[in-house]
Amino acid sequence: MITLKTLKDATEQEVFDQVATHILKQNEQSYMGTTCAYRGSGGLMCAAGCLIGDDEHSREWDEGGIGWPQLVTKDIVPHLHGALVGRLQQIHDMYDPEYWKAELANVADYFKLNTEVLTKFE
């Protein structure tokens, strides 16, 4: 499992596969109140949240609605894969789950990644 500690060693494909598997399996947005959250109620996690170990997570990120790009800018999370993770977070936050698979395919196309992981959710 990729976490912030191991993110620098992961490939873009590995990041994509872990996040895609997570959100498609969960098939539900992660909220704290009315705001998307890395760790939401009921044990849910957002797309970027599944890359953050329990010991690495800060509730302040959820309460402040701080997106991945802001965490990168503040050097809180690794810069590597920042654009990919930010885009995956947007899919979780901005689209209903019924559109996630198609949006993940678009991201895979943009980053030139394979979509084999998506076939597990047909």
Protein backbone atom coordinates (compact mmCIF):
# COMPACT_ATOMS: atom_id res chain seq x y z
CA MET A 1 0.00 0.00 0.00
CA ILE A 2 1.29 3.41 -0.97
CA THR A 3 1.41 6.05 1.78
CA LEU A 4 3.09 9.45 2.01
CA LYS A 5 6.24 7.67 3.20
CA THR A 6 6.40 5.48 0.10
CA LEU A 7 4.82 7.78 -2.49
CA LYS A 8 8.23 8.87 -3.77
CA ASP A 9 9.02 5.25 -4.67
CA ALA A 10 5.74 4.56 -6.47
CA THR A 11 5.15 4.86 -10.19
CA GLU A 12 2.30 6.90 -11.63
CA GLN A 13 0.65 3.62 -12.65
CA GLU A 14 0.82 2.29 -9.10
CA VAL A 15 -0.67 5.51 -7.71
CA PHE A 16 -3.45 5.45 -10.29
CA ASP A 17 -4.23 1.78 -9.66
CA GLN A 18 -4.41 2.20 -5.88
CA VAL A 19 -6.61 5.28 -6.03
CA ALA A 20 -8.88 3.92 -8.78
CA THR A 21 -9.36 0.65 -6.91
CA HIS A 22 -10.09 2.50 -3.69
CA ILE A 23 -12.69 4.93 -4.98
CA LEU A 24 -14.44 2.45 -7.29
CA LYS A 25 -14.66 -0.13 -4.51
CA GLN A 26 -15.86 2.45 -1.97
CA ASN A 27 -18.25 3.95 -4.57
CA GLU A 28 -19.12 6.79 -2.23
CA GLN A 29 -17.72 10.25 -1.56
CA SER A 30 -15.97 10.90 1.73
CA TYR A 31 -17.45 13.85 3.64
CA MET A 32 -16.93 15.67 6.90
CA GLY A 33 -20.17 17.57 7.22
CA THR A 34 -20.71 19.08 3.77
CA THR A 35 -17.02 19.18 2.76
CA CYS A 36 -15.14 16.41 0.98
CA ALA A 37 -12.57 15.00 3.37
CA TYR A 38 -9.44 12.87 3.29
CA ARG A 39 -11.00 10.98 6.18
CA GLY A 40 -14.75 11.34 6.41
CA SER A 41 -17.52 9.90 8.49
CA GLY A 42 -18.01 6.15 8.56
CA GLY A 43 -14.37 5.40 7.80
CA LEU A 44 -14.59 6.70 4.24
CA MET A 45 -11.53 8.17 2.49
CA CYS A 46 -11.25 10.38 -0.56
CA ALA A 47 -9.07 9.60 -3.57
CA ALA A 48 -6.01 11.28 -2.07
CA GLY A 49 -6.88 10.09 1.42
CA CYS A 50 -6.15 6.48 0.49
CA LEU A 51 -2.53 7.55 -0.04
CA ILE A 52 -2.22 8.90 3.50
CA GLY A 53 -1.49 6.49 6.33
CA ASP A 54 -3.48 6.84 9.52
CA ASP A 55 -0.32 8.01 11.30
CA GLU A 56 0.32 10.63 8.58
CA HIS A 57 -3.13 12.19 8.48
CA SER A 58 -4.04 15.51 10.08
CA ARG A 59 -7.67 16.31 10.85
CA GLU A 60 -6.83 19.97 10.14
CA TRP A 61 -6.61 19.13 6.44
CA ASP A 62 -10.21 17.94 6.49
CA GLU A 63 -11.55 20.71 8.66
CA GLY A 64 -9.84 23.37 6.56
CA GLY A 65 -10.83 21.85 3.22
CA ILE A 66 -7.19 21.86 2.12
CA GLY A 67 -6.71 20.27 -1.30
CA TRP A 68 -3.73 18.21 -2.40
CA PRO A 69 -2.18 21.06 -4.43
CA GLN A 70 -2.11 23.23 -1.29
CA LEU A 71 -0.50 20.40 0.71
CA VAL A 72 2.15 20.09 -2.03
CA THR A 73 2.78 23.85 -2.05
CA LYS A 74 3.24 23.82 1.74
CA ASP A 75 5.66 20.85 1.45
CA ILE A 76 3.38 18.72 3.62
CA VAL A 77 3.08 15.97 1.01
CA PRO A 78 5.57 14.92 -1.68
CA HIS A 79 5.66 16.93 -4.89
CA LEU A 80 6.09 13.78 -6.95
CA HIS A 81 2.81 12.77 -8.60
CA GLY A 82 1.20 16.01 -7.40
CA ALA A 83 -0.62 16.67 -10.67
CA LEU A 84 -1.94 13.10 -10.88
CA VAL A 85 -3.11 12.95 -7.26
CA GLY A 86 -4.68 16.42 -7.53
CA ARG A 87 -6.64 15.33 -10.60
CA LEU A 88 -7.75 12.10 -8.91
CA GLN A 89 -8.90 14.11 -5.90
CA GLN A 90 -10.95 16.33 -8.22
CA ILE A 91 -12.73 13.28 -9.64
CA HIS A 92 -13.76 12.23 -6.14
CA ASP A 93 -14.78 15.73 -5.09
CA MET A 94 -16.46 17.06 -8.22
CA TYR A 95 -18.23 14.07 -9.79
CA ASP A 96 -20.88 11.65 -8.62
CA PRO A 97 -19.61 8.07 -8.32
CA GLU A 98 -21.50 6.98 -11.44
CA TYR A 99 -19.06 9.13 -13.50
CA TRP A 100 -15.84 8.10 -11.76
CA LYS A 101 -14.92 5.25 -14.06
CA ALA A 102 -15.20 7.40 -17.19
CA GLU A 103 -13.27 10.24 -15.55
CA LEU A 104 -10.57 7.83 -14.38
CA ALA A 105 -10.24 6.60 -17.97
CA ASN A 106 -9.78 10.21 -19.09
CA VAL A 107 -7.05 10.74 -16.49
CA ALA A 108 -5.34 7.50 -17.53
CA ASP A 109 -5.39 8.65 -21.14
CA TYR A 110 -3.95 12.04 -20.25
CA PHE A 111 -1.13 10.55 -18.15
CA LYS A 112 -0.62 7.68 -20.62
CA LEU A 113 -1.49 5.01 -18.05
CA ASN A 114 -3.20 1.69 -18.66
CA THR A 115 -6.78 1.20 -17.54
CA GLU A 116 -6.64 -2.51 -16.76
CA VAL A 117 -7.63 -1.82 -13.13
CA LEU A 118 -10.92 -0.32 -14.33
CA THR A 119 -12.01 -3.60 -15.93
CA LYS A 120 -12.34 -5.12 -12.45
CA PHE A 121 -15.35 -2.86 -11.86
CA GLU A 122 -17.55 -3.71 -14.83
